[in-house]
Amino acid sequence: MMAAPAKWITSFWERFGCPEISNGRILSIEEKPKIPKSKYAVTGIYFYDASVFEKIGRAKPSWRNELEITDVNNMYLQENTLSHSFLDGWWTDAGTFESLVRATNLVVKTGANKIPGRGAPPRHVRAAE
């Protein structure tokens, strides 16, 4: 089983995998589309089973000569073993230096995964060594 959270975005679709969604179901995922089939991005938070390694072995380099995780995600979709959820709260990409700075500033300002109305998540404290 594989999980692919999606988040509504308003720009920069050409930087993400974007799902085509109908009736709450992902029909396909397109890598870095010029014109997306939805305004959602696949966030890059994945949980894979052991079959992911076989799927990676079947992946072919893209036009950018890179293996695309979107191709692996679409293999799960074709097997009908892909699940997804829609993320609450904020999400931002951290794939460029500028977006990493933005993500860091958001965590400093709001706390990681803080969802309005729920407060900040509990902090984990390490036991003294």
Foldseek 3Di string as FASTA:
>chain_A
DKEWEKEADDDDLLCAWAFQDDPNDTPATHHRDPDGNHRIGRQPDMDDDPCLVVLQVVFAQDPVRHGDVSSSLVVCVVVVNYHYHYDADDDWDCPDPVRVVVVVVCCVVQNPPAHPPPGHDDDDDDDDD
